[in-house]
Amino acid sequence: MERTVRNLIVAAVCLLVLGGLGVFAALRQAARPVDTVVVNIANEFDNYFISERGVTALLTKGGKEPVLGTQPEGPRLRELEVRLKAHAFVRDAQVYRDLAGNLHADVRQNRPIARLTHPDTRLDTYVDAEGRSLPLSPLFTARVATVARPGGANLPSAFFQDSTGRRYLEFLRYVDEHEFWKAQVSEVFIEPGGKLSFTQQVGDQRIEFGLPENISEKFAKLMVFYRQIPSVLGWDTYHRVNVEYQNQIICE
């Protein structure tokens, strides 16, 4: 019994000591002025829409609010995070200080999955996997499929946000998530009646996809065409391939 009580007392003392050390380290860290800003940009998709210099500029409001030599704490660190997250191409951000007092900014980039094109290219925008509109960037051009309406009619920026537009977003997501189709699908057209068609990087065929439904089944049929027809007759034998109808592939 005495041994148990003694062990509990020792454990409590150890916890208090560790807690005290943690508080001391936190206070010492907070008292240190920032000497270095460490920027880490996660780039798992090879996108370069924001640079280390750009992150530093956001943190300092273009140099108007320097962070070097300051002692930012909790609320100020959250404020810096909010400032980074306001950038269109920042999906998530964390700003914190290490035990040496350095300021860290860890950034995850937003990623476009398609580009909405217009006759006036200055009006072009990207769309991300959530259907949100992203601006073009002078730093980097994403290699993604383009989306347009025949004749140059504009697609509203909020097109992919409603229940109808989400079906077209599912099509773009499917293309983006499958490396073969991501490399093959080039220009996507949304016809006046809502049907989809697209051109390809390899092959002269225009693919008539129909409405954005049964997406995986239609791409499976198109894969059958790729595996059986071009190897025998050549890529340019047919100029129109339709996978719109169930259990059919129409080639002309």
Protein backbone atom coordinates (compact mmCIF):
# COMPACT_ATOMS: atom_id res chain seq x y z
CA MET A 1 0.00 0.00 0.00
CA GLU A 2 2.76 2.44 0.98
CA ARG A 3 4.70 1.52 -2.14
CA THR A 4 1.65 2.29 -4.31
CA VAL A 5 1.17 5.67 -2.66
CA ARG A 6 4.87 6.44 -3.05
CA ASN A 7 4.75 5.53 -6.74
CA LEU A 8 1.73 7.77 -7.27
CA ILE A 9 3.49 10.66 -5.56
CA VAL A 10 6.63 10.16 -7.66
CA ALA A 11 4.54 10.02 -10.85
CA ALA A 12 2.68 13.20 -9.88
CA VAL A 13 5.94 15.00 -9.15
CA CYS A 14 7.38 13.90 -12.51
CA LEU A 15 4.30 15.17 -14.32
CA LEU A 16 4.53 18.51 -12.53
CA VAL A 17 8.23 18.79 -13.40
CA LEU A 18 7.59 17.94 -17.04
CA GLY A 19 4.70 20.38 -17.16
CA GLY A 20 6.87 23.07 -15.61
CA LEU A 21 9.63 22.42 -18.15
CA GLY A 22 7.09 22.64 -20.98
CA VAL A 23 5.77 25.97 -19.72
CA PHE A 24 9.31 27.25 -19.26
CA ALA A 25 10.27 26.21 -22.80
CA ALA A 26 7.14 27.84 -24.22
CA LEU A 27 7.80 31.09 -22.36
CA ARG A 28 11.44 31.07 -23.41
CA GLN A 29 10.46 30.40 -27.03
CA ALA A 30 7.88 33.21 -26.99
CA ALA A 31 10.45 35.62 -25.57
CA ARG A 32 12.88 34.97 -28.41
CA PRO A 33 12.57 37.28 -31.41
CA VAL A 34 12.19 35.59 -34.80
CA ASP A 35 15.60 35.22 -36.41
CA THR A 36 14.67 33.00 -39.38
CA VAL A 37 11.54 32.31 -41.42
CA VAL A 38 11.36 28.72 -42.67
CA VAL A 39 8.90 28.15 -45.55
CA ASN A 40 7.90 24.63 -46.56
CA ILE A 41 5.61 24.22 -49.59
CA ALA A 42 4.22 20.71 -50.07
CA ASN A 43 4.41 19.99 -53.79
CA GLU A 44 3.23 16.43 -54.29
CA PHE A 45 1.52 17.32 -57.58
CA ASP A 46 4.35 19.30 -59.19
CA ASN A 47 2.45 22.57 -59.03
CA TYR A 48 4.33 25.83 -58.61
CA PHE A 49 1.59 28.40 -58.13
CA ILE A 50 3.17 29.96 -55.06
CA SER A 51 6.85 30.39 -54.18
CA GLU A 52 8.77 30.78 -50.94
CA ARG A 53 9.16 34.45 -51.78
CA GLY A 54 5.41 34.70 -52.29
CA VAL A 55 4.71 33.10 -48.91
CA THR A 56 7.13 35.49 -47.21
CA ALA A 57 5.46 38.41 -48.96
CA LEU A 58 2.07 37.28 -47.63
CA LEU A 59 3.41 36.90 -44.10
CA THR A 60 4.87 40.41 -44.14
CA LYS A 61 2.21 42.11 -46.30
CA GLY A 62 4.80 42.79 -48.94
CA GLY A 63 7.39 43.91 -46.40
CA LYS A 64 5.09 46.38 -44.62
CA GLU A 65 4.83 44.18 -41.52
CA PRO A 66 8.20 42.45 -40.97
CA VAL A 67 8.23 39.33 -38.81
CA LEU A 68 11.99 39.13 -38.26
CA GLY A 69 12.83 40.50 -34.85
CA THR A 70 9.24 40.23 -33.60
CA GLN A 71 7.80 37.83 -31.03
CA PRO A 72 4.55 36.48 -32.51
CA GLU A 73 2.45 34.32 -30.21
CA GLY A 74 -0.83 32.41 -30.49
CA PRO A 75 -3.31 34.99 -31.83
CA ARG A 76 -0.69 36.58 -34.07
CA LEU A 77 0.30 33.17 -35.47
CA ARG A 78 -3.36 32.41 -36.25
CA GLU A 79 -3.63 35.77 -37.98
CA LEU A 80 -0.65 34.88 -40.19
CA GLU A 81 -2.26 31.53 -41.02
CA VAL A 82 -5.48 33.24 -42.07
CA ARG A 83 -3.47 35.59 -44.27
CA LEU A 84 -1.84 32.64 -46.06
CA LYS A 85 -5.12 30.72 -46.45
CA ALA A 86 -6.69 33.74 -48.16
CA HIS A 87 -4.43 33.11 -51.17
CA ALA A 88 -6.33 31.32 -53.95
CA PHE A 89 -3.69 28.62 -54.39
CA VAL A 90 -3.17 27.86 -50.69
CA ARG A 91 -5.32 24.93 -49.64
CA ASP A 92 -4.06 24.81 -46.06
CA ALA A 93 -1.39 26.52 -43.97
CA GLN A 94 0.15 26.20 -40.54
CA VAL A 95 2.30 28.88 -38.93
CA TYR A 96 4.20 28.07 -35.74
CA ARG A 97 7.49 28.59 -33.91
CA ASP A 98 10.05 25.96 -32.96
CA LEU A 99 12.05 25.77 -29.75
CA ALA A 100 14.78 27.89 -31.29
CA GLY A 101 12.25 30.63 -31.94
CA ASN A 102 12.26 30.26 -35.74
CA LEU A 103 9.00 30.97 -37.54
CA HIS A 104 7.73 28.11 -39.71
CA ALA A 105 5.13 28.39 -42.47
CA ASP A 106 3.96 25.03 -43.86
CA VAL A 107 1.80 25.41 -46.96
CA ARG A 108 -0.26 22.93 -49.00
CA GLN A 109 -1.13 24.12 -52.47
CA ASN A 110 -4.53 24.09 -54.08
CA ARG A 111 -4.62 22.10 -57.31
CA PRO A 112 -6.59 22.75 -60.49
CA ILE A 113 -8.05 19.78 -62.37
CA ALA A 114 -9.25 21.64 -65.49
CA ARG A 115 -9.07 24.99 -67.25
CA LEU A 116 -12.22 26.81 -68.36
CA THR A 117 -11.43 28.55 -71.65
CA HIS A 118 -13.01 31.59 -73.30
CA PRO A 119 -12.48 33.37 -76.64
CA ASP A 120 -10.73 36.06 -74.60
CA THR A 121 -8.02 34.06 -72.82
CA ARG A 122 -7.75 36.76 -70.17
CA LEU A 123 -11.05 35.43 -68.84
CA ASP A 124 -9.79 31.84 -68.51
CA THR A 125 -9.91 30.30 -65.06
CA TYR A 126 -9.05 26.99 -63.44
CA VAL A 127 -11.42 24.80 -61.45
CA ASP A 128 -10.32 22.64 -58.51
CA ALA A 129 -11.64 19.27 -57.36
CA GLU A 130 -14.32 20.96 -55.26
CA GLY A 131 -15.63 22.95 -58.21
CA ARG A 132 -14.18 26.24 -56.97
CA SER A 133 -12.83 28.75 -59.44
CA LEU A 134 -9.11 29.54 -59.36
CA PRO A 135 -7.35 32.34 -61.26
CA LEU A 136 -4.56 31.81 -63.74
CA SER A 137 -1.07 32.36 -62.39
CA PRO A 138 1.91 34.18 -63.90
CA LEU A 139 4.16 31.68 -62.10
CA PHE A 140 2.95 28.40 -63.53
CA THR A 141 0.61 26.89 -66.12
CA ALA A 142 -1.05 23.63 -65.13
CA ARG A 143 -1.18 20.79 -67.65
CA VAL A 144 -4.86 19.98 -67.35
CA ALA A 145 -7.73 19.39 -69.76
CA THR A 146 -9.48 22.46 -71.09
CA VAL A 147 -13.26 22.84 -70.89
CA ALA A 148 -15.32 24.98 -73.25
CA ARG A 149 -18.65 25.34 -75.00
CA PRO A 150 -18.72 25.16 -78.80
CA GLY A 151 -18.78 28.60 -80.37
CA GLY A 152 -17.00 30.17 -77.42
CA ALA A 153 -20.04 30.55 -75.13
CA ASN A 154 -18.96 31.28 -71.57
CA LEU A 155 -19.28 28.83 -68.70
CA PRO A 156 -20.34 30.64 -65.50
CA SER A 157 -17.66 30.53 -62.79
CA ALA A 158 -20.15 28.84 -60.44
CA PHE A 159 -21.19 26.23 -63.04
CA PHE A 160 -19.74 23.28 -61.08
CA GLN A 161 -21.36 24.26 -57.78
CA ASP A 162 -24.99 23.30 -58.43
CA SER A 163 -26.49 19.82 -58.68
CA THR A 164 -26.30 19.77 -62.48
CA GLY A 165 -22.75 21.07 -62.69
CA ARG A 166 -21.53 18.58 -60.09
CA ARG A 167 -22.09 15.76 -62.59
CA TYR A 168 -19.66 17.42 -64.99
CA LEU A 169 -17.25 17.91 -62.11
CA GLU A 170 -17.40 14.17 -61.44
CA PHE A 171 -16.34 13.59 -65.05
CA LEU A 172 -13.35 15.94 -64.63
CA ARG A 173 -12.43 14.29 -61.34
CA TYR A 174 -12.48 10.88 -62.97
CA VAL A 175 -10.13 12.08 -65.70
CA ASP A 176 -7.83 13.70 -63.15
CA GLU A 177 -7.70 10.63 -60.90
CA HIS A 178 -6.71 8.19 -63.66
CA GLU A 179 -3.26 8.78 -65.07
CA PHE A 180 -4.02 7.33 -68.50
CA TRP A 181 -7.07 9.51 -69.08
CA LYS A 182 -5.39 12.51 -67.52
CA ALA A 183 -2.66 12.21 -70.14
CA GLN A 184 -5.06 11.43 -72.99
CA VAL A 185 -8.05 13.78 -72.60
CA SER A 186 -7.20 17.12 -74.17
CA GLU A 187 -10.15 19.42 -74.93
CA VAL A 188 -13.54 18.83 -73.36
CA PHE A 189 -16.67 20.38 -74.89
CA ILE A 190 -20.05 20.79 -73.21
CA GLU A 191 -22.57 20.78 -76.03
CA PRO A 192 -25.74 22.93 -75.98
CA GLY A 193 -27.82 19.91 -74.96
CA GLY A 194 -25.45 19.11 -72.11
CA LYS A 195 -23.67 16.20 -73.77
CA LEU A 196 -19.88 15.88 -73.50
CA SER A 197 -17.32 15.30 -76.21
CA PHE A 198 -13.55 15.55 -76.14
CA THR A 199 -10.45 15.41 -78.26
CA GLN A 200 -7.33 13.41 -77.41
CA GLN A 201 -3.62 13.92 -77.14
CA VAL A 202 -3.02 10.77 -79.22
CA GLY A 203 -5.40 9.90 -82.03
CA ASP A 204 -7.51 12.01 -84.35
CA GLN A 205 -10.87 10.86 -83.06
CA ARG A 206 -13.44 13.07 -81.40
CA ILE A 207 -14.98 11.10 -78.57
CA GLU A 208 -18.73 11.55 -78.11
CA PHE A 209 -19.33 10.77 -74.45
CA GLY A 210 -22.95 11.80 -73.98
CA LEU A 211 -24.26 13.06 -70.66
CA PRO A 212 -21.91 12.75 -67.66
CA GLU A 213 -23.41 9.54 -66.32
CA ASN A 214 -22.14 5.95 -66.12
CA ILE A 215 -18.71 7.55 -66.39
CA SER A 216 -16.53 4.57 -65.50
CA GLU A 217 -18.50 2.26 -67.82
CA LYS A 218 -18.10 4.61 -70.77
CA PHE A 219 -14.37 4.97 -70.22
CA ALA A 220 -14.13 1.18 -69.98
CA LYS A 221 -15.76 0.91 -73.42
CA LEU A 222 -13.36 3.50 -74.78
CA MET A 223 -10.47 1.48 -73.41
CA VAL A 224 -11.78 -1.53 -75.36
CA PHE A 225 -11.61 0.59 -78.50
CA TYR A 226 -8.01 1.65 -77.73
CA ARG A 227 -6.89 -1.92 -77.16
CA GLN A 228 -8.52 -3.52 -80.18
CA ILE A 229 -8.93 -1.03 -83.04
CA PRO A 230 -5.82 1.19 -83.42
CA SER A 231 -3.39 -1.72 -83.16
CA VAL A 232 -5.11 -3.40 -86.13
CA LEU A 233 -6.43 -0.57 -88.29
CA GLY A 234 -4.31 2.39 -87.09
CA TRP A 235 -5.12 5.42 -84.96
CA ASP A 236 -6.55 7.54 -87.78
CA THR A 237 -8.98 5.05 -89.31
CA TYR A 238 -11.97 6.52 -87.48
CA HIS A 239 -12.62 10.19 -86.72
CA ARG A 240 -15.69 9.79 -84.56
CA VAL A 241 -16.12 7.38 -81.65
CA ASN A 242 -19.37 7.34 -79.69
CA VAL A 243 -19.61 5.59 -76.30
CA GLU A 244 -22.85 7.26 -75.25
CA TYR A 245 -25.15 4.24 -75.58
CA GLN A 246 -25.20 1.18 -73.37
CA ASN A 247 -23.26 -1.83 -74.67
CA GLN A 248 -22.35 -0.01 -77.90
CA ILE A 249 -19.30 1.62 -79.45
CA ILE A 250 -20.08 3.50 -82.65
CA CYS A 251 -17.12 4.30 -84.92
CA GLU A 252 -17.15 6.29 -88.14
